[in-house]
């Protein structure tokens, strides 16, 4: 196994995204459920998605200029 692949599998196991069945040497993904956001955050998530839809139509440079992103 390549070193990068082995490190990726190890990171997946350490973060509980993957499970190794040592008897069959199979690696399977665990069912990862996204965390539930608190009710007070849902308003912000809705508005962030709306902002994302607006900026998706713009070139990346223009979106960065409007958001005043400095490298």
Protein backbone atom coordinates (compact mmCIF):
# COMPACT_ATOMS: atom_id res chain seq x y z
CA UNK A 1 0.00 0.00 0.00
CA UNK A 2 1.33 3.43 -0.82
CA UNK A 3 2.32 5.60 2.11
CA UNK A 4 -0.20 8.33 1.28
CA UNK A 5 -3.03 5.78 0.98
CA UNK A 6 -2.04 4.14 4.26
CA UNK A 7 -1.95 7.52 6.01
CA UNK A 8 -5.37 8.39 4.56
CA UNK A 9 -6.88 5.13 5.80
CA UNK A 10 -5.28 5.66 9.21
CA UNK A 11 -6.72 9.18 9.40
CA UNK A 12 -10.16 7.84 8.45
CA UNK A 13 -10.00 5.20 11.17
CA UNK A 14 -8.75 7.69 13.77
CA UNK A 15 -11.62 10.08 12.99
CA UNK A 16 -14.20 7.24 13.11
CA UNK A 17 -15.10 7.66 9.44
CA UNK A 18 -13.80 4.19 8.55
CA UNK A 19 -13.92 0.77 10.18
CA UNK A 20 -11.53 -2.12 9.53
CA UNK A 21 -12.74 -5.70 9.68
CA UNK A 22 -9.49 -7.50 10.46
CA UNK A 23 -10.89 -10.98 9.72
CA UNK A 24 -11.80 -10.15 6.12
CA UNK A 25 -9.31 -7.28 5.64
CA UNK A 26 -12.16 -5.03 4.53
CA UNK A 27 -12.36 -1.29 5.10
CA UNK A 28 -15.87 0.12 5.30
CA UNK A 29 -17.21 3.59 5.88
CA UNK A 30 -19.17 4.30 9.03
CA UNK A 31 -22.52 6.02 8.79
CA UNK A 32 -21.57 9.60 9.51
CA UNK A 33 -24.52 11.76 10.40
CA UNK A 34 -24.02 15.50 10.21
CA UNK A 35 -24.44 17.21 13.55
CA UNK A 36 -27.74 18.93 14.15
CA UNK A 37 -27.40 22.67 14.24
CA UNK A 38 -29.08 24.58 17.05
CA UNK A 39 -32.30 26.41 16.27
CA UNK A 40 -30.63 29.80 16.77
CA UNK A 41 -28.20 29.08 13.91
CA UNK A 42 -30.76 28.07 11.28
CA UNK A 43 -31.50 31.70 10.36
CA UNK A 44 -27.80 32.27 9.66
CA UNK A 45 -27.49 29.07 7.63
CA UNK A 46 -30.41 30.09 5.43
CA UNK A 47 -28.89 33.49 4.79
CA UNK A 48 -25.43 32.00 4.15
CA UNK A 49 -26.94 29.72 1.51
CA UNK A 50 -28.67 32.70 -0.09
CA UNK A 51 -25.37 34.63 -0.14
CA UNK A 52 -23.67 31.60 -1.69
CA UNK A 53 -26.26 31.47 -4.48
CA UNK A 54 -25.70 35.16 -5.21
CA UNK A 55 -21.91 34.86 -5.32
CA UNK A 56 -22.03 31.65 -7.38
CA UNK A 57 -23.06 33.74 -10.39
CA UNK A 58 -20.05 36.07 -10.08
CA UNK A 59 -16.45 35.51 -11.11
CA UNK A 60 -14.32 34.57 -8.11
CA UNK A 61 -12.27 37.78 -8.31
CA UNK A 62 -15.37 39.95 -8.16
CA UNK A 63 -16.78 37.98 -5.22
CA UNK A 64 -13.48 38.40 -3.34
CA UNK A 65 -13.46 42.13 -4.08
CA UNK A 66 -17.03 42.54 -2.79
CA UNK A 67 -16.22 40.56 0.36
CA UNK A 68 -12.93 42.47 0.71
CA UNK A 69 -10.86 39.28 0.88
CA UNK A 70 -7.14 40.05 1.05
CA UNK A 71 -4.62 37.27 0.25
